[in-house]
Amino acid sequence: MKRYFGIMIFALIVSASIVYASDFAIYSGPSNPDWISAGAVKKNTETVMNHAGVKGLFNSIENFGDGDEKGDGSPLAKWCIDHTGNGQQDVILLACGTAPSALYPFPNAKPDGSNVENFIEAGNVVINVADWIFYMSYEGGVRSADNGPGGAANVFDIPGLTFNERGTGNQVPTELGEKYIPSLKAFRSIRPWHVEQFANTNWDVVVFAQENADNADPAVAISKEKGKDGFGMIAAMWQMATPNWAGTDPRGIGVAEFIENWLAENASLDVHAKNKLSTTWGHIKQGR
């Protein structure tokens, strides 16, 4: 009876103590329409925001659209700055595949110390789909001057980094991909990770699908240096020119699965709750 009572107390404490501190921002502004359509961005954003596994991981989820992303005074920039160095690991999803000036001013106007670079270096997470990560903005519905390859190269701090098309582009899910992203199917990436360029850098790369050891997509890079908020992570996923995906769009459900399964396991979204939980369970066991 005493043990049963202890288990009931433990269950109540678990439900009361698991409060996720992390916040999640989605940028669903104007896209490069040749890579992902406005309709696909809207639908994928709704898929991610309404996914029960995603909602359960965050204290808040905010969606920023057209008009929210222009410069340092914008709502998106304020969110990014406020969530940099705040002691918790937060997440930004670029659901439209573009990098607005709120995060990275174009064309490479701030190659070092941009809001998004500071956010990542502090230990937070950025996820990109569709177009070449950090390549340009489409804010206001007009294509900006391109950052080109320099956008990603500057944020990753890897001179010459490229996501240019090469090989056949045919990406086959790895064991990790099958485990963490169940909806992941073989596809053709136009902007694959050039994995060999990350050798001897500040990043470790986890691959979920690949053509070979040097060509991958989707994948996530994890910083080897811990910031105040955690270990910075950058995921680039399904980078291909497909305005509207035939069938279920993985740029929605696949991102949700990545967050729910891989990110929840490897990031620090609930670190405070975990610490509190282990301490509480220790007290219960001692009281038996």
C-alpha atoms as a PDB file:
ATOM      1  CA  MET A   1       0.000   0.000   0.000  1.00  0.00           C
ATOM      2  CA  LYS A   2       2.834   2.356   0.886  1.00  0.00           C
ATOM      3  CA  ARG A   3       4.553   1.638  -2.427  1.00  0.00           C
ATOM      4  CA  TYR A   4       1.303   2.210  -4.347  1.00  0.00           C
ATOM      5  CA  PHE A   5       0.820   5.527  -2.554  1.00  0.00           C
ATOM      6  CA  GLY A   6       4.375   6.538  -3.412  1.00  0.00           C
ATOM      7  CA  ILE A   7       3.827   5.764  -7.090  1.00  0.00           C
ATOM      8  CA  MET A   8       0.663   7.872  -7.102  1.00  0.00           C
ATOM      9  CA  ILE A   9       2.534  10.781  -5.532  1.00  0.00           C
ATOM     10  CA  PHE A  10       5.303  10.369  -8.093  1.00  0.00           C
ATOM     11  CA  ALA A  11       2.778  10.464 -10.951  1.00  0.00           C
ATOM     12  CA  LEU A  12       1.236  13.652  -9.599  1.00  0.00           C
ATOM     13  CA  ILE A  13       4.637  15.281  -9.182  1.00  0.00           C
ATOM     14  CA  VAL A  14       5.634  14.289 -12.719  1.00  0.00           C
ATOM     15  CA  SER A  15       2.557  15.948 -14.192  1.00  0.00           C
ATOM     16  CA  ALA A  16       3.147  19.053 -12.110  1.00  0.00           C
ATOM     17  CA  SER A  17       6.901  19.364 -12.613  1.00  0.00           C
ATOM     18  CA  ILE A  18       7.367  18.773 -16.345  1.00  0.00           C
ATOM     19  CA  VAL A  19       7.009  22.355 -17.533  1.00  0.00           C
ATOM     20  CA  TYR A  20       8.949  22.980 -20.720  1.00  0.00           C
ATOM     21  CA  ALA A  21      10.911  26.192 -20.645  1.00  0.00           C
ATOM     22  CA  SER A  22      11.857  26.380 -24.328  1.00  0.00           C
ATOM     23  CA  ASP A  23      10.080  28.539 -26.900  1.00  0.00           C
ATOM     24  CA  PHE A  24       9.563  27.922 -30.621  1.00  0.00           C
ATOM     25  CA  ALA A  25       9.333  30.516 -33.406  1.00  0.00           C
ATOM     26  CA  ILE A  26       8.280  29.762 -36.974  1.00  0.00           C
ATOM     27  CA  TYR A  27       9.002  32.136 -39.849  1.00  0.00           C
ATOM     28  CA  SER A  28       6.368  31.511 -42.531  1.00  0.00           C
ATOM     29  CA  GLY A  29       6.882  34.641 -44.601  1.00  0.00           C
ATOM     30  CA  PRO A  30       7.206  34.922 -48.383  1.00  0.00           C
ATOM     31  CA  SER A  31       9.064  32.069 -50.037  1.00  0.00           C
ATOM     32  CA  ASN A  32      11.026  31.632 -53.233  1.00  0.00           C
ATOM     33  CA  PRO A  33       8.007  30.269 -55.124  1.00  0.00           C
ATOM     34  CA  ASP A  34      10.090  28.016 -57.370  1.00  0.00           C
ATOM     35  CA  TRP A  35      11.225  26.093 -54.275  1.00  0.00           C
ATOM     36  CA  ILE A  36       8.154  26.017 -52.039  1.00  0.00           C
ATOM     37  CA  SER A  37       4.771  27.609 -52.663  1.00  0.00           C
ATOM     38  CA  ALA A  38       3.003  29.971 -50.285  1.00  0.00           C
ATOM     39  CA  GLY A  39       0.253  27.385 -49.907  1.00  0.00           C
ATOM     40  CA  ALA A  40       2.739  24.677 -48.950  1.00  0.00           C
ATOM     41  CA  VAL A  41       4.385  26.988 -46.412  1.00  0.00           C
ATOM     42  CA  LYS A  42       1.007  27.719 -44.819  1.00  0.00           C
ATOM     43  CA  LYS A  43      -0.030  24.072 -44.694  1.00  0.00           C
ATOM     44  CA  ASN A  44       3.340  22.867 -43.362  1.00  0.00           C
ATOM     45  CA  THR A  45       3.371  25.574 -40.699  1.00  0.00           C
ATOM     46  CA  GLU A  46      -0.068  24.463 -39.535  1.00  0.00           C
ATOM     47  CA  THR A  47       1.074  20.830 -39.517  1.00  0.00           C
ATOM     48  CA  VAL A  48       4.042  21.619 -37.278  1.00  0.00           C
ATOM     49  CA  MET A  49       2.184  24.020 -34.973  1.00  0.00           C
ATOM     50  CA  ASN A  50      -0.729  21.622 -34.458  1.00  0.00           C
ATOM     51  CA  HIS A  51       1.370  18.490 -33.992  1.00  0.00           C
ATOM     52  CA  ALA A  52       0.738  17.153 -30.487  1.00  0.00           C
ATOM     53  CA  GLY A  53       4.309  15.946 -30.054  1.00  0.00           C
ATOM     54  CA  VAL A  54       5.676  19.364 -30.970  1.00  0.00           C
ATOM     55  CA  LYS A  55       3.203  21.331 -28.863  1.00  0.00           C
ATOM     56  CA  GLY A  56       4.087  19.227 -25.843  1.00  0.00           C
ATOM     57  CA  LEU A  57       7.752  20.231 -26.004  1.00  0.00           C
ATOM     58  CA  PHE A  58       7.455  24.016 -25.837  1.00  0.00           C
ATOM     59  CA  ASN A  59       6.216  26.658 -23.464  1.00  0.00           C
ATOM     60  CA  SER A  60       5.090  28.777 -26.425  1.00  0.00           C
ATOM     61  CA  ILE A  61       4.913  28.571 -30.224  1.00  0.00           C
ATOM     62  CA  GLU A  62       4.759  31.796 -32.259  1.00  0.00           C
ATOM     63  CA  ASN A  63       4.280  32.189 -35.999  1.00  0.00           C
ATOM     64  CA  PHE A  64       5.883  35.206 -37.707  1.00  0.00           C
ATOM     65  CA  GLY A  65       4.798  36.103 -41.238  1.00  0.00           C
ATOM     66  CA  ASP A  66       5.138  38.825 -43.838  1.00  0.00           C
ATOM     67  CA  GLY A  67       5.728  42.192 -42.177  1.00  0.00           C
ATOM     68  CA  ASP A  68       7.205  40.659 -39.025  1.00  0.00           C
ATOM     69  CA  GLU A  69      10.708  40.174 -40.396  1.00  0.00           C
ATOM     70  CA  LYS A  70      12.234  43.447 -41.593  1.00  0.00           C
ATOM     71  CA  GLY A  71      15.330  44.540 -39.699  1.00  0.00           C
ATOM     72  CA  ASP A  72      16.370  44.651 -36.064  1.00  0.00           C
ATOM     73  CA  GLY A  73      13.226  46.463 -34.934  1.00  0.00           C
ATOM     74  CA  SER A  74      10.869  43.780 -36.216  1.00  0.00           C
ATOM     75  CA  PRO A  75       8.908  41.328 -34.041  1.00  0.00           C
ATOM     76  CA  LEU A  76      10.960  38.372 -35.317  1.00  0.00           C
ATOM     77  CA  ALA A  77      14.249  40.126 -34.577  1.00  0.00           C
ATOM     78  CA  LYS A  78      13.045  41.031 -31.088  1.00  0.00           C
ATOM     79  CA  TRP A  79      12.066  37.405 -30.447  1.00  0.00           C
ATOM     80  CA  CYS A  80      15.457  36.181 -31.661  1.00  0.00           C
ATOM     81  CA  ILE A  81      17.411  38.703 -29.575  1.00  0.00           C
ATOM     82  CA  ASP A  82      15.301  38.079 -26.456  1.00  0.00           C
ATOM     83  CA  HIS A  83      15.895  34.327 -26.792  1.00  0.00           C
ATOM     84  CA  THR A  84      19.655  34.621 -27.196  1.00  0.00           C
ATOM     85  CA  GLY A  85      21.627  33.918 -24.037  1.00  0.00           C
ATOM     86  CA  ASN A  86      18.514  33.510 -21.882  1.00  0.00           C
ATOM     87  CA  GLY A  87      19.672  30.207 -20.411  1.00  0.00           C
ATOM     88  CA  GLN A  88      17.229  27.998 -22.315  1.00  0.00           C
ATOM     89  CA  GLN A  89      17.503  26.275 -25.691  1.00  0.00           C
ATOM     90  CA  ASP A  90      14.993  27.741 -28.140  1.00  0.00           C
ATOM     91  CA  VAL A  91      14.143  26.885 -31.748  1.00  0.00           C
ATOM     92  CA  ILE A  92      13.491  28.801 -34.984  1.00  0.00           C
ATOM     93  CA  LEU A  93      11.996  27.098 -38.048  1.00  0.00           C
ATOM     94  CA  LEU A  94      12.375  28.772 -41.449  1.00  0.00           C
ATOM     95  CA  ALA A  95       9.297  27.117 -42.951  1.00  0.00           C
ATOM     96  CA  CYS A  96       9.558  29.175 -46.139  1.00  0.00           C
ATOM     97  CA  GLY A  97      13.251  28.469 -46.764  1.00  0.00           C
ATOM     98  CA  THR A  98      14.278  32.125 -46.724  1.00  0.00           C
ATOM     99  CA  ALA A  99      16.384  34.152 -44.274  1.00  0.00           C
ATOM    100  CA  PRO A 100      14.845  37.567 -43.531  1.00  0.00           C
ATOM    101  CA  SER A 101      16.830  40.646 -42.529  1.00  0.00           C
ATOM    102  CA  ALA A 102      15.522  40.277 -38.970  1.00  0.00           C
ATOM    103  CA  LEU A 103      17.861  37.307 -38.708  1.00  0.00           C
ATOM    104  CA  TYR A 104      20.567  37.936 -41.319  1.00  0.00           C
ATOM    105  CA  PRO A 105      20.752  41.304 -43.146  1.00  0.00           C
ATOM    106  CA  PHE A 106      21.273  40.982 -46.885  1.00  0.00           C
ATOM    107  CA  PRO A 107      23.416  40.907 -48.916  1.00  0.00           C
ATOM    108  CA  ASN A 108      25.831  39.643 -46.260  1.00  0.00           C
ATOM    109  CA  ALA A 109      25.624  43.069 -44.609  1.00  0.00           C
ATOM    110  CA  LYS A 110      26.655  41.578 -41.272  1.00  0.00           C
ATOM    111  CA  PRO A 111      28.853  38.559 -42.012  1.00  0.00           C
ATOM    112  CA  ASP A 112      29.767  38.211 -38.358  1.00  0.00           C
ATOM    113  CA  GLY A 113      27.488  38.800 -35.399  1.00  0.00           C
ATOM    114  CA  SER A 114      24.100  38.663 -37.124  1.00  0.00           C
ATOM    115  CA  ASN A 115      21.085  37.961 -34.938  1.00  0.00           C
ATOM    116  CA  VAL A 116      20.794  34.391 -36.180  1.00  0.00           C
ATOM    117  CA  GLU A 117      24.502  33.687 -35.751  1.00  0.00           C
ATOM    118  CA  ASN A 118      24.420  35.027 -32.193  1.00  0.00           C
ATOM    119  CA  PHE A 119      21.314  32.919 -31.523  1.00  0.00           C
ATOM    120  CA  ILE A 120      23.037  29.747 -32.715  1.00  0.00           C
ATOM    121  CA  GLU A 121      26.362  30.457 -31.025  1.00  0.00           C
ATOM    122  CA  ALA A 122      24.517  30.976 -27.732  1.00  0.00           C
ATOM    123  CA  GLY A 123      23.336  27.383 -28.087  1.00  0.00           C
ATOM    124  CA  ASN A 124      19.993  27.508 -29.872  1.00  0.00           C
ATOM    125  CA  VAL A 125      18.509  25.693 -32.870  1.00  0.00           C
ATOM    126  CA  VAL A 126      17.626  26.759 -36.427  1.00  0.00           C
ATOM    127  CA  ILE A 127      15.807  24.492 -38.898  1.00  0.00           C
ATOM    128  CA  ASN A 128      15.531  25.294 -42.615  1.00  0.00           C
ATOM    129  CA  VAL A 129      13.583  23.584 -45.390  1.00  0.00           C
ATOM    130  CA  ALA A 130      13.298  23.923 -49.177  1.00  0.00           C
ATOM    131  CA  ASP A 131      15.778  26.548 -50.420  1.00  0.00           C
ATOM    132  CA  TRP A 132      19.531  26.864 -49.770  1.00  0.00           C
ATOM    133  CA  ILE A 133      19.847  27.848 -46.125  1.00  0.00           C
ATOM    134  CA  PHE A 134      20.531  31.578 -45.501  1.00  0.00           C
ATOM    135  CA  TYR A 135      20.771  32.226 -49.277  1.00  0.00           C
ATOM    136  CA  MET A 136      18.410  35.200 -49.527  1.00  0.00           C
ATOM    137  CA  SER A 137      15.193  36.829 -48.321  1.00  0.00           C
ATOM    138  CA  TYR A 138      11.841  37.311 -50.015  1.00  0.00           C
ATOM    139  CA  GLU A 139      10.419  39.688 -47.419  1.00  0.00           C
ATOM    140  CA  GLY A 140       7.687  41.912 -48.789  1.00  0.00           C
ATOM    141  CA  GLY A 141       7.203  39.425 -51.611  1.00  0.00           C
ATOM    142  CA  VAL A 142      10.269  40.676 -53.477  1.00  0.00           C
ATOM    143  CA  ARG A 143      13.504  38.758 -53.826  1.00  0.00           C
ATOM    144  CA  SER A 144      16.314  40.458 -51.950  1.00  0.00           C
ATOM    145  CA  ALA A 145      19.882  40.886 -53.092  1.00  0.00           C
ATOM    146  CA  ASP A 146      21.329  37.421 -52.617  1.00  0.00           C
ATOM    147  CA  ASN A 147      23.626  36.465 -49.783  1.00  0.00           C
ATOM    148  CA  GLY A 148      24.560  33.561 -52.017  1.00  0.00           C
ATOM    149  CA  PRO A 149      26.744  30.821 -50.556  1.00  0.00           C
ATOM    150  CA  GLY A 150      28.221  33.413 -48.196  1.00  0.00           C
ATOM    151  CA  GLY A 151      25.133  33.398 -45.988  1.00  0.00           C
ATOM    152  CA  ALA A 152      25.592  29.825 -44.807  1.00  0.00           C
ATOM    153  CA  ALA A 153      29.383  30.092 -44.886  1.00  0.00           C
ATOM    154  CA  ASN A 154      29.279  33.090 -42.546  1.00  0.00           C
ATOM    155  CA  VAL A 155      26.762  31.640 -40.085  1.00  0.00           C
ATOM    156  CA  PHE A 156      28.582  28.293 -39.924  1.00  0.00           C
ATOM    157  CA  ASP A 157      31.974  30.098 -39.930  1.00  0.00           C
ATOM    158  CA  ILE A 158      33.231  27.758 -42.674  1.00  0.00           C
ATOM    159  CA  PRO A 159      34.837  29.725 -45.552  1.00  0.00           C
ATOM    160  CA  GLY A 160      33.786  28.408 -48.941  1.00  0.00           C
ATOM    161  CA  LEU A 161      30.924  26.296 -47.574  1.00  0.00           C
ATOM    162  CA  THR A 162      28.433  25.355 -50.273  1.00  0.00           C
ATOM    163  CA  PHE A 163      25.174  23.472 -50.689  1.00  0.00           C
ATOM    164  CA  ASN A 164      25.450  23.439 -54.467  1.00  0.00           C
ATOM    165  CA  GLU A 165      23.940  20.638 -56.544  1.00  0.00           C
ATOM    166  CA  ARG A 166      26.219  17.697 -57.263  1.00  0.00           C
ATOM    167  CA  GLY A 167      26.064  13.968 -57.905  1.00  0.00           C
ATOM    168  CA  THR A 168      22.672  12.467 -58.641  1.00  0.00           C
ATOM    169  CA  GLY A 169      21.177  14.063 -55.530  1.00  0.00           C
ATOM    170  CA  ASN A 170      19.316  10.852 -54.732  1.00  0.00           C
ATOM    171  CA  GLN A 171      19.075  10.648 -50.944  1.00  0.00           C
ATOM    172  CA  VAL A 172      18.333   7.315 -49.244  1.00  0.00           C
ATOM    173  CA  PRO A 173      17.281   7.260 -45.565  1.00  0.00           C
ATOM    174  CA  THR A 174      19.904   6.093 -43.076  1.00  0.00           C
ATOM    175  CA  GLU A 175      19.098   3.996 -40.006  1.00  0.00           C
ATOM    176  CA  LEU A 176      18.900   7.206 -37.997  1.00  0.00           C
ATOM    177  CA  GLY A 177      16.559   8.687 -40.570  1.00  0.00           C
ATOM    178  CA  GLU A 178      14.255   5.688 -40.402  1.00  0.00           C
ATOM    179  CA  LYS A 179      14.305   5.781 -36.603  1.00  0.00           C
ATOM    180  CA  TYR A 180      13.750   9.474 -35.987  1.00  0.00           C
ATOM    181  CA  ILE A 181      11.843  10.591 -39.109  1.00  0.00           C
ATOM    182  CA  PRO A 182       9.464   7.720 -39.969  1.00  0.00           C
ATOM    183  CA  SER A 183       7.893   9.624 -42.887  1.00  0.00           C
ATOM    184  CA  LEU A 184      11.295  10.119 -44.576  1.00  0.00           C
ATOM    185  CA  LYS A 185      11.417   8.566 -48.044  1.00  0.00           C
ATOM    186  CA  ALA A 186      14.088   8.553 -50.735  1.00  0.00           C
ATOM    187  CA  PHE A 187      14.084  11.806 -52.715  1.00  0.00           C
ATOM    188  CA  ARG A 188      16.329  13.977 -54.890  1.00  0.00           C
ATOM    189  CA  SER A 189      18.017  16.893 -53.114  1.00  0.00           C
ATOM    190  CA  ILE A 190      19.094  19.888 -55.201  1.00  0.00           C
ATOM    191  CA  ARG A 191      20.994  21.525 -52.331  1.00  0.00           C
ATOM    192  CA  PRO A 192      22.678  18.688 -50.398  1.00  0.00           C
ATOM    193  CA  TRP A 193      25.076  18.998 -47.517  1.00  0.00           C
ATOM    194  CA  HIS A 194      28.703  18.701 -48.646  1.00  0.00           C
ATOM    195  CA  VAL A 195      29.581  16.717 -45.563  1.00  0.00           C
ATOM    196  CA  GLU A 196      33.330  16.609 -46.196  1.00  0.00           C
ATOM    197  CA  GLN A 197      33.468  20.393 -45.752  1.00  0.00           C
ATOM    198  CA  PHE A 198      32.609  19.948 -42.075  1.00  0.00           C
ATOM    199  CA  ALA A 199      35.695  17.844 -41.327  1.00  0.00           C
ATOM    200  CA  ASN A 200      38.042  19.546 -38.841  1.00  0.00           C
ATOM    201  CA  THR A 201      35.490  22.266 -38.086  1.00  0.00           C
ATOM    202  CA  ASN A 202      33.526  23.246 -35.004  1.00  0.00           C
ATOM    203  CA  TRP A 203      30.620  21.032 -36.110  1.00  0.00           C
ATOM    204  CA  ASP A 204      29.543  17.405 -35.947  1.00  0.00           C
ATOM    205  CA  VAL A 205      27.034  16.388 -38.626  1.00  0.00           C
ATOM    206  CA  VAL A 206      24.232  13.863 -38.080  1.00  0.00           C
ATOM    207  CA  VAL A 207      22.861  12.481 -41.355  1.00  0.00           C
ATOM    208  CA  PHE A 208      19.301  11.227 -41.880  1.00  0.00           C
ATOM    209  CA  ALA A 209      19.519  10.485 -45.624  1.00  0.00           C
ATOM    210  CA  GLN A 210      22.461  10.365 -48.011  1.00  0.00           C
ATOM    211  CA  GLU A 211      23.602   9.647 -51.530  1.00  0.00           C
ATOM    212  CA  ASN A 212      27.050   8.761 -50.216  1.00  0.00           C
ATOM    213  CA  ALA A 213      29.314   9.737 -47.317  1.00  0.00           C
ATOM    214  CA  ASP A 214      29.819  13.259 -48.694  1.00  0.00           C
ATOM    215  CA  ASN A 215      26.307  14.103 -49.948  1.00  0.00           C
ATOM    216  CA  ALA A 216      23.413  14.235 -47.491  1.00  0.00           C
ATOM    217  CA  ASP A 217      19.967  15.734 -46.883  1.00  0.00           C
ATOM    218  CA  PRO A 218      18.342  16.045 -44.407  1.00  0.00           C
ATOM    219  CA  ALA A 219      21.051  16.510 -41.801  1.00  0.00           C
ATOM    220  CA  VAL A 220      21.783  18.538 -38.677  1.00  0.00           C
ATOM    221  CA  ALA A 221      25.064  20.101 -37.550  1.00  0.00           C
ATOM    222  CA  ILE A 222      25.812  20.299 -33.828  1.00  0.00           C
ATOM    223  CA  SER A 223      28.323  22.754 -32.427  1.00  0.00           C
ATOM    224  CA  LYS A 224      31.184  21.290 -30.421  1.00  0.00           C
ATOM    225  CA  GLU A 225      31.221  24.387 -28.202  1.00  0.00           C
ATOM    226  CA  LYS A 226      28.507  24.856 -25.610  1.00  0.00           C
ATOM    227  CA  GLY A 227      26.922  28.272 -25.300  1.00  0.00           C
ATOM    228  CA  LYS A 228      24.887  29.745 -22.474  1.00  0.00           C
ATOM    229  CA  ASP A 229      21.701  28.163 -23.859  1.00  0.00           C
ATOM    230  CA  GLY A 230      23.143  24.792 -24.917  1.00  0.00           C
ATOM    231  CA  PHE A 231      24.885  23.375 -27.981  1.00  0.00           C
ATOM    232  CA  GLY A 232      23.976  25.280 -31.138  1.00  0.00           C
ATOM    233  CA  MET A 233      22.346  23.253 -33.910  1.00  0.00           C
ATOM    234  CA  ILE A 234      21.528  23.945 -37.562  1.00  0.00           C
ATOM    235  CA  ALA A 235      19.304  21.576 -39.537  1.00  0.00           C
ATOM    236  CA  ALA A 236      18.817  21.860 -43.310  1.00  0.00           C
ATOM    237  CA  MET A 237      16.156  19.523 -44.640  1.00  0.00           C
ATOM    238  CA  TRP A 238      14.539  18.616 -47.973  1.00  0.00           C
ATOM    239  CA  GLN A 239      16.393  21.373 -49.841  1.00  0.00           C
ATOM    240  CA  MET A 240      14.887  20.886 -53.280  1.00  0.00           C
ATOM    241  CA  ALA A 241      12.850  22.910 -55.768  1.00  0.00           C
ATOM    242  CA  THR A 242       9.361  21.496 -55.238  1.00  0.00           C
ATOM    243  CA  PRO A 243       6.679  24.177 -54.923  1.00  0.00           C
ATOM    244  CA  ASN A 244       4.030  21.578 -54.057  1.00  0.00           C
ATOM    245  CA  TRP A 245       5.066  18.114 -52.894  1.00  0.00           C
ATOM    246  CA  ALA A 246       3.221  15.175 -54.422  1.00  0.00           C
ATOM    247  CA  GLY A 247       1.545  13.379 -51.530  1.00  0.00           C
ATOM    248  CA  THR A 248       2.332  14.145 -47.890  1.00  0.00           C
ATOM    249  CA  ASP A 249       4.840  16.988 -47.655  1.00  0.00           C
ATOM    250  CA  PRO A 250       7.771  15.961 -45.399  1.00  0.00           C
ATOM    251  CA  ARG A 251       8.671  19.632 -44.974  1.00  0.00           C
ATOM    252  CA  GLY A 252       5.730  19.635 -42.555  1.00  0.00           C
ATOM    253  CA  ILE A 253       5.287  16.234 -40.941  1.00  0.00           C
ATOM    254  CA  GLY A 254       8.981  15.338 -41.339  1.00  0.00           C
ATOM    255  CA  VAL A 255      10.034  18.478 -39.488  1.00  0.00           C
ATOM    256  CA  ALA A 256       7.513  17.702 -36.746  1.00  0.00           C
ATOM    257  CA  GLU A 257       8.914  14.171 -36.414  1.00  0.00           C
ATOM    258  CA  PHE A 258      12.472  15.499 -36.302  1.00  0.00           C
ATOM    259  CA  ILE A 259      11.528  17.865 -33.480  1.00  0.00           C
ATOM    260  CA  GLU A 260       9.449  15.357 -31.531  1.00  0.00           C
ATOM    261  CA  ASN A 261      11.862  12.431 -31.868  1.00  0.00           C
ATOM    262  CA  TRP A 262      15.437  13.541 -32.506  1.00  0.00           C
ATOM    263  CA  LEU A 263      15.503  17.077 -31.116  1.00  0.00           C
ATOM    264  CA  ALA A 264      13.617  16.128 -27.958  1.00  0.00           C
ATOM    265  CA  GLU A 265      16.218  13.436 -27.305  1.00  0.00           C
ATOM    266  CA  ASN A 266      19.352  15.397 -28.200  1.00  0.00           C
ATOM    267  CA  ALA A 267      18.574  19.005 -27.311  1.00  0.00           C
ATOM    268  CA  SER A 268      17.904  20.462 -23.843  1.00  0.00           C
ATOM    269  CA  LEU A 269      14.284  21.477 -24.294  1.00  0.00           C
ATOM    270  CA  ASP A 270      13.240  20.082 -20.896  1.00  0.00           C
ATOM    271  CA  VAL A 271      16.549  20.107 -19.006  1.00  0.00           C
ATOM    272  CA  HIS A 272      15.145  21.862 -15.952  1.00  0.00           C
ATOM    273  CA  ALA A 273      12.244  19.456 -15.709  1.00  0.00           C
ATOM    274  CA  LYS A 274      14.556  16.441 -16.013  1.00  0.00           C
ATOM    275  CA  ASN A 275      16.789  17.672 -13.201  1.00  0.00           C
ATOM    276  CA  LYS A 276      13.798  18.334 -10.980  1.00  0.00           C
ATOM    277  CA  LEU A 277      12.292  14.971 -11.843  1.00  0.00           C
ATOM    278  CA  SER A 278      15.383  12.945 -10.931  1.00  0.00           C
ATOM    279  CA  THR A 279      15.688  14.760  -7.609  1.00  0.00           C
ATOM    280  CA  THR A 280      12.021  14.180  -6.794  1.00  0.00           C
ATOM    281  CA  TRP A 281      12.177  10.452  -7.631  1.00  0.00           C
ATOM    282  CA  GLY A 282      15.235  10.144  -5.402  1.00  0.00           C
ATOM    283  CA  HIS A 283      13.307  11.572  -2.465  1.00  0.00           C
ATOM    284  CA  ILE A 284      10.413   9.158  -3.032  1.00  0.00           C
ATOM    285  CA  LYS A 285      12.707   6.111  -3.165  1.00  0.00           C
ATOM    286  CA  GLN A 286      14.447   7.178   0.052  1.00  0.00           C
ATOM    287  CA  GLY A 287      11.061   7.465   1.772  1.00  0.00           C
ATOM    288  CA  ARG A 288      10.016   3.861   1.103  1.00  0.00           C
END
